[in-house]
Amino acid sequence: MAFQPPYSPSLFRKRDNASGASVVAIDNKIEQAMDLVKNHLMYAVREEVEILKEQIRELVEKNSQLERENTLLKTLASPEQLEKFQSRLSPEEPAPESPDAPEAPGGSAV
């Protein structure tokens, strides 16, 4: 009687193939999950970019409006008013905080 092993070598091959198929299936599921995450992230980024673009448009519009107002106010201001304004903006000379003249009861200087 010839020696017969209690197992068949083909049995291991089947297990290896099954194991390999299982690894491939897991790899496919991981790849699908990563694609799904990537798609969700890209969607979120696109949405955020659109929001930021709209905010930039609004800020550019507001900046333009303020520049027009500034130009108009400079045009309408007297040279004395412009000089006083420039002195307040100057970093070397801080704007005077305390008035030299006492205030009248109505809130204006006398």
PDB file of N, CA and C in Angstrom:
ATOM      1  N   MET A   1       0.848  -1.162   0.000  1.00  0.00           N
ATOM      2  CA  MET A   1       0.000   0.000   0.000  1.00  0.00           C
ATOM      3  C   MET A   1       0.892   1.222   0.000  1.00  0.00           C
ATOM      4  N   ALA A   2       0.622   2.148  -0.911  1.00  0.00           N
ATOM      5  CA  ALA A   2       1.445   3.336  -1.048  1.00  0.00           C
ATOM      6  C   ALA A   2       0.984   4.371  -0.033  1.00  0.00           C
ATOM      7  N   PHE A   3       1.950   5.179   0.333  1.00  0.00           N
ATOM      8  CA  PHE A   3       1.662   6.223   1.318  1.00  0.00           C
ATOM      9  C   PHE A   3       0.790   7.296   0.694  1.00  0.00           C
ATOM     10  N   GLN A   4      -0.290   7.594   1.319  1.00  0.00           N
ATOM     11  CA  GLN A   4      -1.222   8.624   0.867  1.00  0.00           C
ATOM     12  C   GLN A   4      -1.280   9.694   1.966  1.00  0.00           C
ATOM     13  N   PRO A   5      -0.877  10.940   1.639  1.00  0.00           N
ATOM     14  CA  PRO A   5      -0.944  11.988   2.666  1.00  0.00           C
ATOM     15  C   PRO A   5      -2.401  12.277   3.017  1.00  0.00           C
ATOM     16  N   PRO A   6      -2.649  12.702   4.242  1.00  0.00           N
ATOM     17  CA  PRO A   6      -4.028  12.967   4.671  1.00  0.00           C
ATOM     18  C   PRO A   6      -4.613  14.215   3.984  1.00  0.00           C
ATOM     19  N   TYR A   7      -3.832  14.864   3.189  1.00  0.00           N
ATOM     20  CA  TYR A   7      -4.312  16.068   2.509  1.00  0.00           C
ATOM     21  C   TYR A   7      -3.890  16.018   1.061  1.00  0.00           C
ATOM     22  N   SER A   8      -4.528  16.801   0.274  1.00  0.00           N
ATOM     23  CA  SER A   8      -4.209  16.849  -1.143  1.00  0.00           C
ATOM     24  C   SER A   8      -3.524  18.190  -1.424  1.00  0.00           C
ATOM     25  N   PRO A   9      -2.404  18.215  -2.167  1.00  0.00           N
ATOM     26  CA  PRO A   9      -1.755  19.481  -2.512  1.00  0.00           C
ATOM     27  C   PRO A   9      -2.686  20.412  -3.277  1.00  0.00           C
ATOM     28  N   SER A  10      -3.608  19.881  -4.022  1.00  0.00           N
ATOM     29  CA  SER A  10      -4.543  20.728  -4.767  1.00  0.00           C
ATOM     30  C   SER A  10      -5.464  21.475  -3.804  1.00  0.00           C
ATOM     31  N   LEU A  11      -5.671  20.917  -2.625  1.00  0.00           N
ATOM     32  CA  LEU A  11      -6.489  21.575  -1.626  1.00  0.00           C
ATOM     33  C   LEU A  11      -5.862  22.922  -1.239  1.00  0.00           C
ATOM     34  N   PHE A  12      -4.540  22.957  -1.091  1.00  0.00           N
ATOM     35  CA  PHE A  12      -3.849  24.201  -0.753  1.00  0.00           C
ATOM     36  C   PHE A  12      -3.933  25.203  -1.902  1.00  0.00           C
ATOM     37  N   ARG A  13      -3.820  24.707  -3.092  1.00  0.00           N
ATOM     38  CA  ARG A  13      -3.927  25.606  -4.231  1.00  0.00           C
ATOM     39  C   ARG A  13      -5.304  26.268  -4.256  1.00  0.00           C
ATOM     40  N   LYS A  14      -6.334  25.481  -3.957  1.00  0.00           N
ATOM     41  CA  LYS A  14      -7.683  26.042  -3.928  1.00  0.00           C
ATOM     42  C   LYS A  14      -7.790  27.092  -2.828  1.00  0.00           C
ATOM     43  N   ARG A  15      -7.209  26.788  -1.674  1.00  0.00           N
ATOM     44  CA  ARG A  15      -7.247  27.765  -0.580  1.00  0.00           C
ATOM     45  C   ARG A  15      -6.471  29.021  -0.977  1.00  0.00           C
ATOM     46  N   ASP A  16      -5.294  28.839  -1.589  1.00  0.00           N
ATOM     47  CA  ASP A  16      -4.507  29.995  -2.020  1.00  0.00           C
ATOM     48  C   ASP A  16      -5.290  30.827  -3.021  1.00  0.00           C
ATOM     49  N   ASN A  17      -5.943  30.147  -3.965  1.00  0.00           N
ATOM     50  CA  ASN A  17      -6.735  30.868  -4.954  1.00  0.00           C
ATOM     51  C   ASN A  17      -7.902  31.594  -4.282  1.00  0.00           C
ATOM     52  N   ALA A  18      -8.548  30.934  -3.345  1.00  0.00           N
ATOM     53  CA  ALA A  18      -9.657  31.547  -2.632  1.00  0.00           C
ATOM     54  C   ALA A  18      -9.139  32.721  -1.811  1.00  0.00           C
ATOM     55  N   SER A  19      -8.012  32.529  -1.176  1.00  0.00           N
ATOM     56  CA  SER A  19      -7.417  33.598  -0.382  1.00  0.00           C
ATOM     57  C   SER A  19      -7.031  34.763  -1.286  1.00  0.00           C
ATOM     58  N   GLY A  20      -6.449  34.469  -2.436  1.00  0.00           N
ATOM     59  CA  GLY A  20      -6.072  35.504  -3.393  1.00  0.00           C
ATOM     60  C   GLY A  20      -7.286  36.260  -3.894  1.00  0.00           C
ATOM     61  N   ALA A  21      -8.355  35.553  -4.177  1.00  0.00           N
ATOM     62  CA  ALA A  21      -9.589  36.189  -4.636  1.00  0.00           C
ATOM     63  C   ALA A  21     -10.155  37.077  -3.525  1.00  0.00           C
ATOM     64  N   SER A  22     -10.036  36.609  -2.305  1.00  0.00           N
ATOM     65  CA  SER A  22     -10.521  37.374  -1.168  1.00  0.00           C
ATOM     66  C   SER A  22      -9.724  38.667  -1.010  1.00  0.00           C
ATOM     67  N   VAL A  23      -8.402  38.574  -1.195  1.00  0.00           N
ATOM     68  CA  VAL A  23      -7.548  39.765  -1.096  1.00  0.00           C
ATOM     69  C   VAL A  23      -7.902  40.743  -2.205  1.00  0.00           C
ATOM     70  N   VAL A  24      -8.121  40.231  -3.407  1.00  0.00           N
ATOM     71  CA  VAL A  24      -8.491  41.082  -4.532  1.00  0.00           C
ATOM     72  C   VAL A  24      -9.834  41.770  -4.255  1.00  0.00           C
ATOM     73  N   ALA A  25     -10.783  41.026  -3.706  1.00  0.00           N
ATOM     74  CA  ALA A  25     -12.094  41.593  -3.389  1.00  0.00           C
ATOM     75  C   ALA A  25     -11.950  42.704  -2.344  1.00  0.00           C
ATOM     76  N   ILE A  26     -11.135  42.462  -1.325  1.00  0.00           N
ATOM     77  CA  ILE A  26     -10.909  43.481  -0.290  1.00  0.00           C
ATOM     78  C   ILE A  26     -10.227  44.699  -0.900  1.00  0.00           C
ATOM     79  N   ASP A  27      -9.222  44.453  -1.745  1.00  0.00           N
ATOM     80  CA  ASP A  27      -8.538  45.565  -2.413  1.00  0.00           C
ATOM     81  C   ASP A  27      -9.518  46.388  -3.254  1.00  0.00           C
ATOM     82  N   ASN A  28     -10.411  45.711  -3.945  1.00  0.00           N
ATOM     83  CA  ASN A  28     -11.407  46.409  -4.761  1.00  0.00           C
ATOM     84  C   ASN A  28     -12.334  47.257  -3.893  1.00  0.00           C
ATOM     85  N   LYS A  29     -12.758  46.696  -2.760  1.00  0.00           N
ATOM     86  CA  LYS A  29     -13.639  47.453  -1.869  1.00  0.00           C
ATOM     87  C   LYS A  29     -12.902  48.659  -1.281  1.00  0.00           C
ATOM     88  N   ILE A  30     -11.644  48.491  -0.926  1.00  0.00           N
ATOM     89  CA  ILE A  30     -10.855  49.618  -0.411  1.00  0.00           C
ATOM     90  C   ILE A  30     -10.725  50.694  -1.481  1.00  0.00           C
ATOM     91  N   GLU A  31     -10.446  50.280  -2.711  1.00  0.00           N
ATOM     92  CA  GLU A  31     -10.313  51.234  -3.813  1.00  0.00           C
ATOM     93  C   GLU A  31     -11.634  51.967  -4.053  1.00  0.00           C
ATOM     94  N   GLN A  32     -12.752  51.249  -3.994  1.00  0.00           N
ATOM     95  CA  GLN A  32     -14.063  51.887  -4.164  1.00  0.00           C
ATOM     96  C   GLN A  32     -14.319  52.896  -3.038  1.00  0.00           C
ATOM     97  N   ALA A  33     -13.977  52.507  -1.808  1.00  0.00           N
ATOM     98  CA  ALA A  33     -14.178  53.409  -0.677  1.00  0.00           C
ATOM     99  C   ALA A  33     -13.308  54.656  -0.821  1.00  0.00           C
ATOM    100  N   MET A  34     -12.059  54.466  -1.266  1.00  0.00           N
ATOM    101  CA  MET A  34     -11.170  55.604  -1.460  1.00  0.00           C
ATOM    102  C   MET A  34     -11.700  56.517  -2.572  1.00  0.00           C
ATOM    103  N   ASP A  35     -12.230  55.944  -3.640  1.00  0.00           N
ATOM    104  CA  ASP A  35     -12.823  56.740  -4.716  1.00  0.00           C
ATOM    105  C   ASP A  35     -14.024  57.532  -4.205  1.00  0.00           C
ATOM    106  N   LEU A  36     -14.833  56.887  -3.372  1.00  0.00           N
ATOM    107  CA  LEU A  36     -15.996  57.563  -2.809  1.00  0.00           C
ATOM    108  C   LEU A  36     -15.563  58.738  -1.930  1.00  0.00           C
ATOM    109  N   VAL A  37     -14.562  58.515  -1.082  1.00  0.00           N
ATOM    110  CA  VAL A  37     -14.045  59.588  -0.229  1.00  0.00           C
ATOM    111  C   VAL A  37     -13.485  60.715  -1.096  1.00  0.00           C
ATOM    112  N   LYS A  38     -12.727  60.346  -2.124  1.00  0.00           N
ATOM    113  CA  LYS A  38     -12.155  61.350  -3.034  1.00  0.00           C
ATOM    114  C   LYS A  38     -13.253  62.167  -3.698  1.00  0.00           C
ATOM    115  N   ASN A  39     -14.309  61.510  -4.157  1.00  0.00           N
ATOM    116  CA  ASN A  39     -15.418  62.217  -4.802  1.00  0.00           C
ATOM    117  C   ASN A  39     -16.108  63.177  -3.836  1.00  0.00           C
ATOM    118  N   HIS A  40     -16.318  62.726  -2.606  1.00  0.00           N
ATOM    119  CA  HIS A  40     -16.952  63.590  -1.609  1.00  0.00           C
ATOM    120  C   HIS A  40     -16.055  64.783  -1.283  1.00  0.00           C
ATOM    121  N   LEU A  41     -14.762  64.542  -1.149  1.00  0.00           N
ATOM    122  CA  LEU A  41     -13.830  65.640  -0.870  1.00  0.00           C
ATOM    123  C   LEU A  41     -13.791  66.637  -2.020  1.00  0.00           C
ATOM    124  N   MET A  42     -13.743  66.142  -3.227  1.00  0.00           N
ATOM    125  CA  MET A  42     -13.716  67.031  -4.391  1.00  0.00           C
ATOM    126  C   MET A  42     -14.997  67.859  -4.461  1.00  0.00           C
ATOM    127  N   TYR A  43     -16.122  67.237  -4.177  1.00  0.00           N
ATOM    128  CA  TYR A  43     -17.391  67.965  -4.174  1.00  0.00           C
ATOM    129  C   TYR A  43     -17.360  69.062  -3.108  1.00  0.00           C
ATOM    130  N   ALA A  44     -16.896  68.717  -1.905  1.00  0.00           N
ATOM    131  CA  ALA A  44     -16.829  69.698  -0.819  1.00  0.00           C
ATOM    132  C   ALA A  44     -15.872  70.840  -1.169  1.00  0.00           C
ATOM    133  N   VAL A  45     -14.748  70.513  -1.776  1.00  0.00           N
ATOM    134  CA  VAL A  45     -13.778  71.540  -2.159  1.00  0.00           C
ATOM    135  C   VAL A  45     -14.373  72.446  -3.229  1.00  0.00           C
ATOM    136  N   ARG A  46     -15.024  71.873  -4.221  1.00  0.00           N
ATOM    137  CA  ARG A  46     -15.648  72.690  -5.279  1.00  0.00           C
ATOM    138  C   ARG A  46     -16.699  73.630  -4.692  1.00  0.00           C
ATOM    139  N   GLU A  47     -17.489  73.096  -3.758  1.00  0.00           N
ATOM    140  CA  GLU A  47     -18.520  73.911  -3.119  1.00  0.00           C
ATOM    141  C   GLU A  47     -17.881  75.064  -2.336  1.00  0.00           C
ATOM    142  N   GLU A  48     -16.817  74.770  -1.599  1.00  0.00           N
ATOM    143  CA  GLU A  48     -16.117  75.804  -0.829  1.00  0.00           C
ATOM    144  C   GLU A  48     -15.490  76.835  -1.760  1.00  0.00           C
ATOM    145  N   VAL A  49     -14.940  76.396  -2.876  1.00  0.00           N
ATOM    146  CA  VAL A  49     -14.343  77.323  -3.849  1.00  0.00           C
ATOM    147  C   VAL A  49     -15.407  78.270  -4.393  1.00  0.00           C
ATOM    148  N   GLU A  50     -16.584  77.757  -4.677  1.00  0.00           N
ATOM    149  CA  GLU A  50     -17.671  78.609  -5.177  1.00  0.00           C
ATOM    150  C   GLU A  50     -18.073  79.647  -4.137  1.00  0.00           C
ATOM    151  N   ILE A  51     -18.144  79.244  -2.884  1.00  0.00           N
ATOM    152  CA  ILE A  51     -18.484  80.185  -1.807  1.00  0.00           C
ATOM    153  C   ILE A  51     -17.413  81.259  -1.704  1.00  0.00           C
ATOM    154  N   LEU A  52     -16.150  80.852  -1.751  1.00  0.00           N
ATOM    155  CA  LEU A  52     -15.049  81.816  -1.650  1.00  0.00           C
ATOM    156  C   LEU A  52     -15.023  82.755  -2.857  1.00  0.00           C
ATOM    157  N   LYS A  53     -15.308  82.243  -4.045  1.00  0.00           N
ATOM    158  CA  LYS A  53     -15.368  83.101  -5.237  1.00  0.00           C
ATOM    159  C   LYS A  53     -16.441  84.163  -5.073  1.00  0.00           C
ATOM    160  N   GLU A  54     -17.597  83.762  -4.541  1.00  0.00           N
ATOM    161  CA  GLU A  54     -18.684  84.723  -4.329  1.00  0.00           C
ATOM    162  C   GLU A  54     -18.276  85.767  -3.299  1.00  0.00           C
ATOM    163  N   GLN A  55     -17.615  85.352  -2.223  1.00  0.00           N
ATOM    164  CA  GLN A  55     -17.149  86.311  -1.222  1.00  0.00           C
ATOM    165  C   GLN A  55     -16.132  87.270  -1.820  1.00  0.00           C
ATOM    166  N   ILE A  56     -15.257  86.767  -2.667  1.00  0.00           N
ATOM    167  CA  ILE A  56     -14.262  87.625  -3.321  1.00  0.00           C
ATOM    168  C   ILE A  56     -14.967  88.640  -4.212  1.00  0.00           C
ATOM    169  N   ARG A  57     -15.963  88.193  -4.977  1.00  0.00           N
ATOM    170  CA  ARG A  57     -16.728  89.115  -5.832  1.00  0.00           C
ATOM    171  C   ARG A  57     -17.365  90.222  -4.994  1.00  0.00           C
ATOM    172  N   GLU A  58     -17.976  89.843  -3.871  1.00  0.00           N
ATOM    173  CA  GLU A  58     -18.617  90.827  -3.000  1.00  0.00           C
ATOM    174  C   GLU A  58     -17.591  91.804  -2.426  1.00  0.00           C
ATOM    175  N   LEU A  59     -16.441  91.295  -2.015  1.00  0.00           N
ATOM    176  CA  LEU A  59     -15.410  92.163  -1.443  1.00  0.00           C
ATOM    177  C   LEU A  59     -14.825  93.112  -2.489  1.00  0.00           C
ATOM    178  N   VAL A  60     -14.635  92.630  -3.704  1.00  0.00           N
ATOM    179  CA  VAL A  60     -14.125  93.491  -4.781  1.00  0.00           C
ATOM    180  C   VAL A  60     -15.140  94.595  -5.077  1.00  0.00           C
ATOM    181  N   GLU A  61     -16.404  94.235  -5.106  1.00  0.00           N
ATOM    182  CA  GLU A  61     -17.457  95.225  -5.348  1.00  0.00           C
ATOM    183  C   GLU A  61     -17.487  96.258  -4.217  1.00  0.00           C
ATOM    184  N   LYS A  62     -17.422  95.799  -2.981  1.00  0.00           N
ATOM    185  CA  LYS A  62     -17.419  96.706  -1.825  1.00  0.00           C
ATOM    186  C   LYS A  62     -16.186  97.610  -1.858  1.00  0.00           C
ATOM    187  N   ASN A  63     -15.036  97.057  -2.209  1.00  0.00           N
ATOM    188  CA  ASN A  63     -13.798  97.837  -2.296  1.00  0.00           C
ATOM    189  C   ASN A  63     -13.935  98.926  -3.362  1.00  0.00           C
ATOM    190  N   SER A  64     -14.483  98.578  -4.499  1.00  0.00           N
ATOM    191  CA  SER A  64     -14.684  99.564  -5.570  1.00  0.00           C
ATOM    192  C   SER A  64     -15.608 100.677  -5.109  1.00  0.00           C
ATOM    193  N   GLN A  65     -16.690 100.317  -4.428  1.00  0.00           N
ATOM    194  CA  GLN A  65     -17.625 101.312  -3.929  1.00  0.00           C
ATOM    195  C   GLN A  65     -16.924 102.244  -2.935  1.00  0.00           C
ATOM    196  N   LEU A  66     -16.131 101.681  -2.022  1.00  0.00           N
ATOM    197  CA  LEU A  66     -15.425 102.505  -1.042  1.00  0.00           C
ATOM    198  C   LEU A  66     -14.375 103.400  -1.695  1.00  0.00           C
ATOM    199  N   GLU A  67     -13.721 102.896  -2.731  1.00  0.00           N
ATOM    200  CA  GLU A  67     -12.759 103.729  -3.452  1.00  0.00           C
ATOM    201  C   GLU A  67     -13.456 104.908  -4.140  1.00  0.00           C
ATOM    202  N   ARG A  68     -14.630 104.652  -4.729  1.00  0.00           N
ATOM    203  CA  ARG A  68     -15.385 105.741  -5.359  1.00  0.00           C
ATOM    204  C   ARG A  68     -15.813 106.773  -4.315  1.00  0.00           C
ATOM    205  N   GLU A  69     -16.309 106.296  -3.173  1.00  0.00           N
ATOM    206  CA  GLU A  69     -16.705 107.208  -2.100  1.00  0.00           C
ATOM    207  C   GLU A  69     -15.507 108.025  -1.620  1.00  0.00           C
ATOM    208  N   ASN A  70     -14.372 107.362  -1.457  1.00  0.00           N
ATOM    209  CA  ASN A  70     -13.156 108.039  -1.000  1.00  0.00           C
ATOM    210  C   ASN A  70     -12.742 109.134  -1.982  1.00  0.00           C
ATOM    211  N   THR A  71     -12.771 108.813  -3.265  1.00  0.00           N
ATOM    212  CA  THR A  71     -12.415 109.800  -4.292  1.00  0.00           C
ATOM    213  C   THR A  71     -13.378 110.985  -4.260  1.00  0.00           C
ATOM    214  N   LEU A  72     -14.658 110.696  -4.130  1.00  0.00           N
ATOM    215  CA  LEU A  72     -15.661 111.763  -4.077  1.00  0.00           C
ATOM    216  C   LEU A  72     -15.436 112.648  -2.844  1.00  0.00           C
ATOM    217  N   LEU A  73     -15.217 112.027  -1.705  1.00  0.00           N
ATOM    218  CA  LEU A  73     -15.009 112.804  -0.480  1.00  0.00           C
ATOM    219  C   LEU A  73     -13.751 113.657  -0.568  1.00  0.00           C
ATOM    220  N   LYS A  74     -12.688 113.107  -1.169  1.00  0.00           N
ATOM    221  CA  LYS A  74     -11.471 113.906  -1.350  1.00  0.00           C
ATOM    222  C   LYS A  74     -11.726 115.085  -2.283  1.00  0.00           C
ATOM    223  N   THR A  75     -12.550 114.860  -3.297  1.00  0.00           N
ATOM    224  CA  THR A  75     -12.864 115.927  -4.246  1.00  0.00           C
ATOM    225  C   THR A  75     -13.664 117.042  -3.573  1.00  0.00           C
ATOM    226  N   LEU A  76     -14.599 116.653  -2.714  1.00  0.00           N
ATOM    227  CA  LEU A  76     -15.479 117.628  -2.073  1.00  0.00           C
ATOM    228  C   LEU A  76     -14.854 118.294  -0.848  1.00  0.00           C
ATOM    229  N   ALA A  77     -13.816 117.701  -0.293  1.00  0.00           N
ATOM    230  CA  ALA A  77     -13.212 118.243   0.927  1.00  0.00           C
ATOM    231  C   ALA A  77     -12.360 119.467   0.609  1.00  0.00           C
ATOM    232  N   SER A  78     -12.323 120.369   1.571  1.00  0.00           N
ATOM    233  CA  SER A  78     -11.473 121.557   1.420  1.00  0.00           C
ATOM    234  C   SER A  78     -10.020 121.168   1.703  1.00  0.00           C
ATOM    235  N   PRO A  79      -9.064 121.978   1.230  1.00  0.00           N
ATOM    236  CA  PRO A  79      -7.654 121.676   1.510  1.00  0.00           C
ATOM    237  C   PRO A  79      -7.366 121.592   3.012  1.00  0.00           C
ATOM    238  N   GLU A  80      -8.052 122.408   3.830  1.00  0.00           N
ATOM    239  CA  GLU A  80      -7.850 122.372   5.278  1.00  0.00           C
ATOM    240  C   GLU A  80      -8.340 121.036   5.852  1.00  0.00           C
ATOM    241  N   GLN A  81      -9.476 120.570   5.358  1.00  0.00           N
ATOM    242  CA  GLN A  81     -10.015 119.291   5.825  1.00  0.00           C
ATOM    243  C   GLN A  81      -9.090 118.143   5.437  1.00  0.00           C
ATOM    244  N   LEU A  82      -8.569 118.183   4.218  1.00  0.00           N
ATOM    245  CA  LEU A  82      -7.646 117.133   3.767  1.00  0.00           C
ATOM    246  C   LEU A  82      -6.376 117.132   4.597  1.00  0.00           C
ATOM    247  N   GLU A  83      -5.865 118.320   4.905  1.00  0.00           N
ATOM    248  CA  GLU A  83      -4.640 118.421   5.714  1.00  0.00           C
ATOM    249  C   GLU A  83      -4.885 117.857   7.109  1.00  0.00           C
ATOM    250  N   LYS A  84      -6.026 118.201   7.693  1.00  0.00           N
ATOM    251  CA  LYS A  84      -6.369 117.703   9.028  1.00  0.00           C
ATOM    252  C   LYS A  84      -6.520 116.173   9.001  1.00  0.00           C
ATOM    253  N   PHE A  85      -7.166 115.695   7.969  1.00  0.00           N
ATOM    254  CA  PHE A  85      -7.361 114.245   7.827  1.00  0.00           C
ATOM    255  C   PHE A  85      -6.022 113.525   7.673  1.00  0.00           C
ATOM    256  N   GLN A  86      -5.147 114.071   6.816  1.00  0.00           N
ATOM    257  CA  GLN A  86      -3.836 113.461   6.601  1.00  0.00           C
ATOM    258  C   GLN A  86      -3.022 113.439   7.891  1.00  0.00           C
ATOM    259  N   SER A  87      -3.142 114.484   8.695  1.00  0.00           N
ATOM    260  CA  SER A  87      -2.384 114.518   9.948  1.00  0.00           C
ATOM    261  C   SER A  87      -2.886 113.445  10.915  1.00  0.00           C
ATOM    262  N   ARG A  88      -4.145 113.129  10.844  1.00  0.00           N
ATOM    263  CA  ARG A  88      -4.688 112.061  11.702  1.00  0.00           C
ATOM    264  C   ARG A  88      -4.235 110.681  11.237  1.00  0.00           C
ATOM    265  N   LEU A  89      -4.008 110.517   9.954  1.00  0.00           N
ATOM    266  CA  LEU A  89      -3.574 109.224   9.415  1.00  0.00           C
ATOM    267  C   LEU A  89      -2.081 108.991   9.574  1.00  0.00           C
ATOM    268  N   SER A  90      -1.335 110.065   9.763  1.00  0.00           N
ATOM    269  CA  SER A  90       0.121 109.977   9.841  1.00  0.00           C
ATOM    270  C   SER A  90       0.539 109.137  11.051  1.00  0.00           C
ATOM    271  N   PRO A  91       1.348 108.065  10.849  1.00  0.00           N
ATOM    272  CA  PRO A  91       1.756 107.215  11.973  1.00  0.00           C
ATOM    273  C   PRO A  91       2.718 107.919  12.929  1.00  0.00           C
ATOM    274  N   GLU A  92       3.478 108.942  12.453  1.00  0.00           N
ATOM    275  CA  GLU A  92       4.438 109.619  13.321  1.00  0.00           C
ATOM    276  C   GLU A  92       3.725 110.505  14.331  1.00  0.00           C
ATOM    277  N   GLU A  93       2.630 111.126  13.897  1.00  0.00           N
ATOM    278  CA  GLU A  93       1.921 112.050  14.766  1.00  0.00           C
ATOM    279  C   GLU A  93       0.547 111.493  15.090  1.00  0.00           C
ATOM    280  N   PRO A  94       0.336 111.033  16.320  1.00  0.00           N
ATOM    281  CA  PRO A  94      -0.991 110.521  16.654  1.00  0.00           C
ATOM    282  C   PRO A  94      -2.004 111.655  16.690  1.00  0.00           C
ATOM    283  N   ALA A  95      -3.230 111.340  16.382  1.00  0.00           N
ATOM    284  CA  ALA A  95      -4.302 112.338  16.378  1.00  0.00           C
ATOM    285  C   ALA A  95      -4.517 112.840  17.796  1.00  0.00           C
ATOM    286  N   PRO A  96      -4.766 114.129  17.963  1.00  0.00           N
ATOM    287  CA  PRO A  96      -4.972 114.663  19.313  1.00  0.00           C
ATOM    288  C   PRO A  96      -6.223 114.064  19.938  1.00  0.00           C
ATOM    289  N   GLU A  97      -6.069 113.563  21.158  1.00  0.00           N
ATOM    290  CA  GLU A  97      -7.176 112.923  21.858  1.00  0.00           C
ATOM    291  C   GLU A  97      -7.965 113.930  22.682  1.00  0.00           C
ATOM    292  N   SER A  98      -7.264 114.849  23.366  1.00  0.00           N
ATOM    293  CA  SER A  98      -7.959 115.789  24.249  1.00  0.00           C
ATOM    294  C   SER A  98      -8.044 117.146  23.584  1.00  0.00           C
ATOM    295  N   PRO A  99      -9.232 117.708  23.532  1.00  0.00           N
ATOM    296  CA  PRO A  99      -9.383 119.030  22.914  1.00  0.00           C
ATOM    297  C   PRO A  99      -8.810 120.118  23.824  1.00  0.00           C
ATOM    298  N   ASP A 100      -8.252 121.166  23.216  1.00  0.00           N
ATOM    299  CA  ASP A 100      -7.691 122.284  23.981  1.00  0.00           C
ATOM    300  C   ASP A 100      -8.801 123.164  24.517  1.00  0.00           C
ATOM    301  N   ALA A 101      -9.864 123.321  23.750  1.00  0.00           N
ATOM    302  CA  ALA A 101     -10.969 124.198  24.147  1.00  0.00           C
ATOM    303  C   ALA A 101     -12.036 123.385  24.834  1.00  0.00           C
ATOM    304  N   PRO A 102     -12.643 123.925  25.901  1.00  0.00           N
ATOM    305  CA  PRO A 102     -13.750 123.188  26.552  1.00  0.00           C
ATOM    306  C   PRO A 102     -14.950 123.135  25.630  1.00  0.00           C
ATOM    307  N   GLU A 103     -15.739 122.083  25.793  1.00  0.00           N
ATOM    308  CA  GLU A 103     -16.917 121.927  24.954  1.00  0.00           C
ATOM    309  C   GLU A 103     -18.096 122.687  25.514  1.00  0.00           C
ATOM    310  N   ALA A 104     -18.896 123.194  24.596  1.00  0.00           N
ATOM    311  CA  ALA A 104     -20.126 123.873  24.998  1.00  0.00           C
ATOM    312  C   ALA A 104     -21.166 122.816  25.333  1.00  0.00           C
ATOM    313  N   PRO A 105     -22.216 123.183  26.036  1.00  0.00           N
ATOM    314  CA  PRO A 105     -23.249 122.205  26.418  1.00  0.00           C
ATOM    315  C   PRO A 105     -23.862 121.491  25.222  1.00  0.00           C
ATOM    316  N   GLY A 106     -23.873 122.068  24.075  1.00  0.00           N
ATOM    317  CA  GLY A 106     -24.465 121.416  22.906  1.00  0.00           C
ATOM    318  C   GLY A 106     -23.567 120.372  22.294  1.00  0.00           C
ATOM    319  N   GLY A 107     -22.340 120.206  22.770  1.00  0.00           N
ATOM    320  CA  GLY A 107     -21.440 119.202  22.243  1.00  0.00           C
ATOM    321  C   GLY A 107     -20.460 119.741  21.249  1.00  0.00           C
ATOM    322  N   SER A 108     -20.541 121.043  20.909  1.00  0.00           N
ATOM    323  CA  SER A 108     -19.584 121.596  19.951  1.00  0.00           C
ATOM    324  C   SER A 108     -18.609 122.502  20.710  1.00  0.00           C
ATOM    325  N   ALA A 109     -17.423 122.651  20.140  1.00  0.00           N
ATOM    326  CA  ALA A 109     -16.393 123.480  20.795  1.00  0.00           C
ATOM    327  C   ALA A 109     -16.771 124.943  20.709  1.00  0.00           C
ATOM    328  N   VAL A 110     -16.461 125.703  21.758  1.00  0.00           N
ATOM    329  CA  VAL A 110     -16.785 127.142  21.792  1.00  0.00           C
ATOM    330  C   VAL A 110     -15.595 127.949  21.385  1.00  0.00           C
TER     331      VAL A 110
END
